[in-house]
Amino acid sequence: MRTLVIIIVLALVIMIARRLLARPQTPVKRKSISEHMVQCANCGIYIPEQEALQRAERYYCSQAHLDEDLHE
């Protein structure tokens, strides 16, 4: 009787291990669309257009650089 319980427990452990190992791994998604880069009018660094601050036709990498340009 004890041997039967051990066999059942081992079978369950093997089945669970197989299911866990058989799960498809989720691939890391990379951006396939290249971002348009713009140059900060103050320091010259290039940043993605989506992250840049814009005033008129000029782009800035931070609020501080935008403010500095306003005061000049």
PDB file of N, CA and C in Angstrom:
ATOM      1  N   MET A   1       0.817  -1.196   0.000  1.00  0.00           N
ATOM      2  CA  MET A   1       0.000   0.000   0.000  1.00  0.00           C
ATOM      3  C   MET A   1       0.869   1.272   0.000  1.00  0.00           C
ATOM      4  N   ARG A   2       1.917   1.251   0.800  1.00  0.00           N
ATOM      5  CA  ARG A   2       2.816   2.395   0.887  1.00  0.00           C
ATOM      6  C   ARG A   2       3.525   2.640  -0.442  1.00  0.00           C
ATOM      7  N   THR A   3       3.879   1.586  -1.117  1.00  0.00           N
ATOM      8  CA  THR A   3       4.545   1.689  -2.409  1.00  0.00           C
ATOM      9  C   THR A   3       3.619   2.328  -3.437  1.00  0.00           C
ATOM     10  N   LEU A   4       2.348   2.001  -3.396  1.00  0.00           N
ATOM     11  CA  LEU A   4       1.371   2.565  -4.316  1.00  0.00           C
ATOM     12  C   LEU A   4       1.227   4.075  -4.107  1.00  0.00           C
ATOM     13  N   VAL A   5       1.220   4.527  -2.864  1.00  0.00           N
ATOM     14  CA  VAL A   5       1.114   5.954  -2.557  1.00  0.00           C
ATOM     15  C   VAL A   5       2.361   6.688  -3.059  1.00  0.00           C
ATOM     16  N   ILE A   6       3.531   6.092  -2.880  1.00  0.00           N
ATOM     17  CA  ILE A   6       4.777   6.705  -3.343  1.00  0.00           C
ATOM     18  C   ILE A   6       4.768   6.821  -4.867  1.00  0.00           C
ATOM     19  N   ILE A   7       4.303   5.802  -5.562  1.00  0.00           N
ATOM     20  CA  ILE A   7       4.243   5.836  -7.027  1.00  0.00           C
ATOM     21  C   ILE A   7       3.278   6.919  -7.498  1.00  0.00           C
ATOM     22  N   ILE A   8       2.145   7.060  -6.857  1.00  0.00           N
ATOM     23  CA  ILE A   8       1.155   8.082  -7.235  1.00  0.00           C
ATOM     24  C   ILE A   8       1.722   9.486  -7.002  1.00  0.00           C
ATOM     25  N   VAL A   9       2.380   9.678  -5.870  1.00  0.00           N
ATOM     26  CA  VAL A   9       2.972  10.986  -5.575  1.00  0.00           C
ATOM     27  C   VAL A   9       4.066  11.310  -6.591  1.00  0.00           C
ATOM     28  N   LEU A  10       4.919  10.366  -6.911  1.00  0.00           N
ATOM     29  CA  LEU A  10       5.964  10.593  -7.912  1.00  0.00           C
ATOM     30  C   LEU A  10       5.365  10.909  -9.285  1.00  0.00           C
ATOM     31  N   ALA A  11       4.304  10.218  -9.654  1.00  0.00           N
ATOM     32  CA  ALA A  11       3.653  10.466 -10.942  1.00  0.00           C
ATOM     33  C   ALA A  11       3.087  11.885 -10.980  1.00  0.00           C
ATOM     34  N   LEU A  12       2.477  12.314  -9.881  1.00  0.00           N
ATOM     35  CA  LEU A  12       1.946  13.678  -9.823  1.00  0.00           C
ATOM     36  C   LEU A  12       3.051  14.722  -9.907  1.00  0.00           C
ATOM     37  N   VAL A  13       4.154  14.494  -9.237  1.00  0.00           N
ATOM     38  CA  VAL A  13       5.275  15.435  -9.276  1.00  0.00           C
ATOM     39  C   VAL A  13       5.837  15.519 -10.692  1.00  0.00           C
ATOM     40  N   ILE A  14       5.961  14.403 -11.367  1.00  0.00           N
ATOM     41  CA  ILE A  14       6.469  14.394 -12.734  1.00  0.00           C
ATOM     42  C   ILE A  14       5.514  15.123 -13.670  1.00  0.00           C
ATOM     43  N   MET A  15       4.202  14.900 -13.516  1.00  0.00           N
ATOM     44  CA  MET A  15       3.224  15.567 -14.375  1.00  0.00           C
ATOM     45  C   MET A  15       3.260  17.085 -14.170  1.00  0.00           C
ATOM     46  N   ILE A  16       3.353  17.511 -12.934  1.00  0.00           N
ATOM     47  CA  ILE A  16       3.405  18.954 -12.641  1.00  0.00           C
ATOM     48  C   ILE A  16       4.684  19.561 -13.195  1.00  0.00           C
ATOM     49  N   ALA A  17       5.797  18.880 -13.041  1.00  0.00           N
ATOM     50  CA  ALA A  17       7.078  19.378 -13.550  1.00  0.00           C
ATOM     51  C   ALA A  17       7.046  19.501 -15.072  1.00  0.00           C
ATOM     52  N   ARG A  18       6.460  18.536 -15.746  1.00  0.00           N
ATOM     53  CA  ARG A  18       6.363  18.597 -17.209  1.00  0.00           C
ATOM     54  C   ARG A  18       5.517  19.778 -17.661  1.00  0.00           C
ATOM     55  N   ARG A  19       4.421  20.013 -16.979  1.00  0.00           N
ATOM     56  CA  ARG A  19       3.559  21.139 -17.359  1.00  0.00           C
ATOM     57  C   ARG A  19       4.259  22.470 -17.143  1.00  0.00           C
ATOM     58  N   LEU A  20       4.987  22.581 -16.061  1.00  0.00           N
ATOM     59  CA  LEU A  20       5.700  23.825 -15.798  1.00  0.00           C
ATOM     60  C   LEU A  20       6.801  24.061 -16.823  1.00  0.00           C
ATOM     61  N   LEU A  21       7.486  23.021 -17.208  1.00  0.00           N
ATOM     62  CA  LEU A  21       8.570  23.151 -18.184  1.00  0.00           C
ATOM     63  C   LEU A  21       8.048  23.331 -19.606  1.00  0.00           C
ATOM     64  N   ALA A  22       6.845  22.859 -19.877  1.00  0.00           N
ATOM     65  CA  ALA A  22       6.282  22.936 -21.221  1.00  0.00           C
ATOM     66  C   ALA A  22       5.600  24.276 -21.504  1.00  0.00           C
ATOM     67  N   ARG A  23       5.440  25.104 -20.503  1.00  0.00           N
ATOM     68  CA  ARG A  23       4.805  26.410 -20.709  1.00  0.00           C
ATOM     69  C   ARG A  23       5.623  27.238 -21.678  1.00  0.00           C
ATOM     70  N   PRO A  24       4.951  27.853 -22.629  1.00  0.00           N
ATOM     71  CA  PRO A  24       5.700  28.705 -23.560  1.00  0.00           C
ATOM     72  C   PRO A  24       6.218  29.947 -22.848  1.00  0.00           C
ATOM     73  N   GLN A  25       7.452  30.256 -23.092  1.00  0.00           N
ATOM     74  CA  GLN A  25       8.074  31.437 -22.502  1.00  0.00           C
ATOM     75  C   GLN A  25       7.602  32.657 -23.272  1.00  0.00           C
ATOM     76  N   THR A  26       7.242  33.715 -22.587  1.00  0.00           N
ATOM     77  CA  THR A  26       6.825  34.924 -23.277  1.00  0.00           C
ATOM     78  C   THR A  26       8.061  35.646 -23.782  1.00  0.00           C
ATOM     79  N   PRO A  27       8.138  35.887 -25.077  1.00  0.00           N
ATOM     80  CA  PRO A  27       9.325  36.549 -25.630  1.00  0.00           C
ATOM     81  C   PRO A  27       9.368  38.025 -25.236  1.00  0.00           C
ATOM     82  N   VAL A  28      10.566  38.542 -25.162  1.00  0.00           N
ATOM     83  CA  VAL A  28      10.748  39.959 -24.862  1.00  0.00           C
ATOM     84  C   VAL A  28      10.409  40.731 -26.123  1.00  0.00           C
ATOM     85  N   LYS A  29       9.486  41.659 -25.982  1.00  0.00           N
ATOM     86  CA  LYS A  29       9.077  42.442 -27.142  1.00  0.00           C
ATOM     87  C   LYS A  29       9.997  43.640 -27.291  1.00  0.00           C
ATOM     88  N   ARG A  30      10.498  43.802 -28.480  1.00  0.00           N
ATOM     89  CA  ARG A  30      11.342  44.949 -28.787  1.00  0.00           C
ATOM     90  C   ARG A  30      10.564  45.871 -29.697  1.00  0.00           C
ATOM     91  N   LYS A  31      10.854  47.119 -29.603  1.00  0.00           N
ATOM     92  CA  LYS A  31      10.194  48.072 -30.462  1.00  0.00           C
ATOM     93  C   LYS A  31      10.662  47.866 -31.897  1.00  0.00           C
ATOM     94  N   SER A  32       9.712  47.593 -32.763  1.00  0.00           N
ATOM     95  CA  SER A  32      10.082  47.388 -34.157  1.00  0.00           C
ATOM     96  C   SER A  32      10.050  48.703 -34.935  1.00  0.00           C
ATOM     97  N   ILE A  33       9.393  49.681 -34.364  1.00  0.00           N
ATOM     98  CA  ILE A  33       9.318  50.978 -35.022  1.00  0.00           C
ATOM     99  C   ILE A  33      10.433  51.853 -34.484  1.00  0.00           C
ATOM    100  N   SER A  34      11.247  52.385 -35.374  1.00  0.00           N
ATOM    101  CA  SER A  34      12.327  53.258 -34.930  1.00  0.00           C
ATOM    102  C   SER A  34      11.741  54.624 -34.587  1.00  0.00           C
ATOM    103  N   GLU A  35      12.240  55.191 -33.514  1.00  0.00           N
ATOM    104  CA  GLU A  35      11.734  56.479 -33.053  1.00  0.00           C
ATOM    105  C   GLU A  35      12.490  57.610 -33.738  1.00  0.00           C
ATOM    106  N   HIS A  36      11.782  58.683 -33.966  1.00  0.00           N
ATOM    107  CA  HIS A  36      12.402  59.863 -34.559  1.00  0.00           C
ATOM    108  C   HIS A  36      13.127  60.611 -33.452  1.00  0.00           C
ATOM    109  N   MET A  37      14.415  60.883 -33.657  1.00  0.00           N
ATOM    110  CA  MET A  37      15.224  61.559 -32.655  1.00  0.00           C
ATOM    111  C   MET A  37      15.301  63.044 -32.987  1.00  0.00           C
ATOM    112  N   VAL A  38      15.240  63.856 -31.924  1.00  0.00           N
ATOM    113  CA  VAL A  38      15.367  65.309 -32.081  1.00  0.00           C
ATOM    114  C   VAL A  38      16.483  65.805 -31.174  1.00  0.00           C
ATOM    115  N   GLN A  39      17.014  66.963 -31.490  1.00  0.00           N
ATOM    116  CA  GLN A  39      18.139  67.515 -30.738  1.00  0.00           C
ATOM    117  C   GLN A  39      17.657  68.627 -29.816  1.00  0.00           C
ATOM    118  N   CYS A  40      18.130  68.596 -28.570  1.00  0.00           N
ATOM    119  CA  CYS A  40      17.795  69.646 -27.611  1.00  0.00           C
ATOM    120  C   CYS A  40      18.424  70.951 -28.092  1.00  0.00           C
ATOM    121  N   ALA A  41      17.617  72.016 -28.119  1.00  0.00           N
ATOM    122  CA  ALA A  41      18.101  73.313 -28.597  1.00  0.00           C
ATOM    123  C   ALA A  41      19.085  73.938 -27.611  1.00  0.00           C
ATOM    124  N   ASN A  42      19.133  73.463 -26.370  1.00  0.00           N
ATOM    125  CA  ASN A  42      20.007  74.040 -25.362  1.00  0.00           C
ATOM    126  C   ASN A  42      21.351  73.315 -25.284  1.00  0.00           C
ATOM    127  N   CYS A  43      21.310  72.001 -25.091  1.00  0.00           N
ATOM    128  CA  CYS A  43      22.569  71.263 -24.857  1.00  0.00           C
ATOM    129  C   CYS A  43      23.003  70.422 -26.045  1.00  0.00           C
ATOM    130  N   GLY A  44      22.129  70.162 -26.996  1.00  0.00           N
ATOM    131  CA  GLY A  44      22.507  69.426 -28.189  1.00  0.00           C
ATOM    132  C   GLY A  44      22.344  67.920 -28.106  1.00  0.00           C
ATOM    133  N   ILE A  45      21.886  67.402 -26.973  1.00  0.00           N
ATOM    134  CA  ILE A  45      21.712  65.957 -26.836  1.00  0.00           C
ATOM    135  C   ILE A  45      20.519  65.512 -27.687  1.00  0.00           C
ATOM    136  N   TYR A  46      20.598  64.288 -28.216  1.00  0.00           N
ATOM    137  CA  TYR A  46      19.494  63.737 -29.005  1.00  0.00           C
ATOM    138  C   TYR A  46      18.607  62.895 -28.104  1.00  0.00           C
ATOM    139  N   ILE A  47      17.304  63.090 -28.233  1.00  0.00           N
ATOM    140  CA  ILE A  47      16.318  62.361 -27.448  1.00  0.00           C
ATOM    141  C   ILE A  47      15.158  61.972 -28.361  1.00  0.00           C
ATOM    142  N   PRO A  48      14.404  60.922 -27.985  1.00  0.00           N
ATOM    143  CA  PRO A  48      13.238  60.557 -28.784  1.00  0.00           C
ATOM    144  C   PRO A  48      12.215  61.706 -28.792  1.00  0.00           C
ATOM    145  N   GLU A  49      11.600  61.931 -29.919  1.00  0.00           N
ATOM    146  CA  GLU A  49      10.653  63.038 -30.060  1.00  0.00           C
ATOM    147  C   GLU A  49       9.500  62.919 -29.064  1.00  0.00           C
ATOM    148  N   GLN A  50       9.083  61.701 -28.754  1.00  0.00           N
ATOM    149  CA  GLN A  50       7.983  61.496 -27.817  1.00  0.00           C
ATOM    150  C   GLN A  50       8.334  61.950 -26.405  1.00  0.00           C
ATOM    151  N   GLU A  51       9.599  61.934 -26.050  1.00  0.00           N
ATOM    152  CA  GLU A  51      10.026  62.332 -24.707  1.00  0.00           C
ATOM    153  C   GLU A  51      10.434  63.795 -24.627  1.00  0.00           C
ATOM    154  N   ALA A  52      10.564  64.442 -25.764  1.00  0.00           N
ATOM    155  CA  ALA A  52      11.057  65.822 -25.791  1.00  0.00           C
ATOM    156  C   ALA A  52       9.939  66.813 -25.472  1.00  0.00           C
ATOM    157  N   LEU A  53      10.358  67.949 -24.913  1.00  0.00           N
ATOM    158  CA  LEU A  53       9.457  69.066 -24.702  1.00  0.00           C
ATOM    159  C   LEU A  53       9.609  69.991 -25.905  1.00  0.00           C
ATOM    160  N   GLN A  54       8.505  70.518 -26.395  1.00  0.00           N
ATOM    161  CA  GLN A  54       8.576  71.326 -27.603  1.00  0.00           C
ATOM    162  C   GLN A  54       7.985  72.707 -27.346  1.00  0.00           C
ATOM    163  N   ARG A  55       8.676  73.699 -27.877  1.00  0.00           N
ATOM    164  CA  ARG A  55       8.189  75.084 -27.848  1.00  0.00           C
ATOM    165  C   ARG A  55       8.475  75.645 -29.229  1.00  0.00           C
ATOM    166  N   ALA A  56       7.421  76.039 -29.910  1.00  0.00           N
ATOM    167  CA  ALA A  56       7.508  76.501 -31.289  1.00  0.00           C
ATOM    168  C   ALA A  56       8.136  75.384 -32.126  1.00  0.00           C
ATOM    169  N   GLU A  57       9.231  75.655 -32.792  1.00  0.00           N
ATOM    170  CA  GLU A  57       9.895  74.655 -33.635  1.00  0.00           C
ATOM    171  C   GLU A  57      11.097  74.023 -32.939  1.00  0.00           C
ATOM    172  N   ARG A  58      11.287  74.306 -31.658  1.00  0.00           N
ATOM    173  CA  ARG A  58      12.480  73.839 -30.940  1.00  0.00           C
ATOM    174  C   ARG A  58      12.108  72.753 -29.937  1.00  0.00           C
ATOM    175  N   TYR A  59      13.036  71.809 -29.743  1.00  0.00           N
ATOM    176  CA  TYR A  59      12.846  70.706 -28.810  1.00  0.00           C
ATOM    177  C   TYR A  59      13.836  70.828 -27.663  1.00  0.00           C
ATOM    178  N   TYR A  60      13.420  70.336 -26.484  1.00  0.00           N
ATOM    179  CA  TYR A  60      14.258  70.401 -25.283  1.00  0.00           C
ATOM    180  C   TYR A  60      14.211  69.059 -24.565  1.00  0.00           C
ATOM    181  N   CYS A  61      15.323  68.725 -23.908  1.00  0.00           N
ATOM    182  CA  CYS A  61      15.412  67.449 -23.198  1.00  0.00           C
ATOM    183  C   CYS A  61      14.833  67.530 -21.786  1.00  0.00           C
ATOM    184  N   SER A  62      14.689  68.730 -21.235  1.00  0.00           N
ATOM    185  CA  SER A  62      14.155  68.872 -19.882  1.00  0.00           C
ATOM    186  C   SER A  62      13.465  70.221 -19.728  1.00  0.00           C
ATOM    187  N   GLN A  63      12.678  70.320 -18.678  1.00  0.00           N
ATOM    188  CA  GLN A  63      11.983  71.571 -18.386  1.00  0.00           C
ATOM    189  C   GLN A  63      12.991  72.672 -18.049  1.00  0.00           C
ATOM    190  N   ALA A  64      14.083  72.314 -17.395  1.00  0.00           N
ATOM    191  CA  ALA A  64      15.109  73.296 -17.038  1.00  0.00           C
ATOM    192  C   ALA A  64      15.722  73.921 -18.291  1.00  0.00           C
ATOM    193  N   HIS A  65      15.981  73.118 -19.295  1.00  0.00           N
ATOM    194  CA  HIS A  65      16.555  73.657 -20.529  1.00  0.00           C
ATOM    195  C   HIS A  65      15.548  74.525 -21.278  1.00  0.00           C
ATOM    196  N   LEU A  66      14.290  74.149 -21.240  1.00  0.00           N
ATOM    197  CA  LEU A  66      13.264  74.981 -21.855  1.00  0.00           C
ATOM    198  C   LEU A  66      13.182  76.318 -21.142  1.00  0.00           C
ATOM    199  N   ASP A  67      13.209  76.283 -19.807  1.00  0.00           N
ATOM    200  CA  ASP A  67      13.148  77.525 -19.012  1.00  0.00           C
ATOM    201  C   ASP A  67      14.373  78.416 -19.256  1.00  0.00           C
ATOM    202  N   GLU A  68      15.558  77.805 -19.366  1.00  0.00           N
ATOM    203  CA  GLU A  68      16.779  78.576 -19.624  1.00  0.00           C
ATOM    204  C   GLU A  68      16.666  79.298 -20.972  1.00  0.00           C
ATOM    205  N   ASP A  69      16.117  78.631 -21.944  1.00  0.00           N
ATOM    206  CA  ASP A  69      15.981  79.236 -23.273  1.00  0.00           C
ATOM    207  C   ASP A  69      14.960  80.378 -23.252  1.00  0.00           C
ATOM    208  N   LEU A  70      13.957  80.274 -22.408  1.00  0.00           N
ATOM    209  CA  LEU A  70      12.948  81.331 -22.295  1.00  0.00           C
ATOM    210  C   LEU A  70      13.549  82.598 -21.664  1.00  0.00           C
ATOM    211  N   HIS A  71      14.504  82.424 -20.747  1.00  0.00           N
ATOM    212  CA  HIS A  71      15.091  83.553 -20.013  1.00  0.00           C
ATOM    213  C   HIS A  71      16.201  84.237 -20.793  1.00  0.00           C
ATOM    214  N   GLU A  72      16.672  83.626 -21.841  1.00  0.00           N
ATOM    215  CA  GLU A  72      17.783  84.210 -22.599  1.00  0.00           C
ATOM    216  C   GLU A  72      17.294  85.251 -23.572  1.00  0.00           C
TER     217      GLU A  72
END
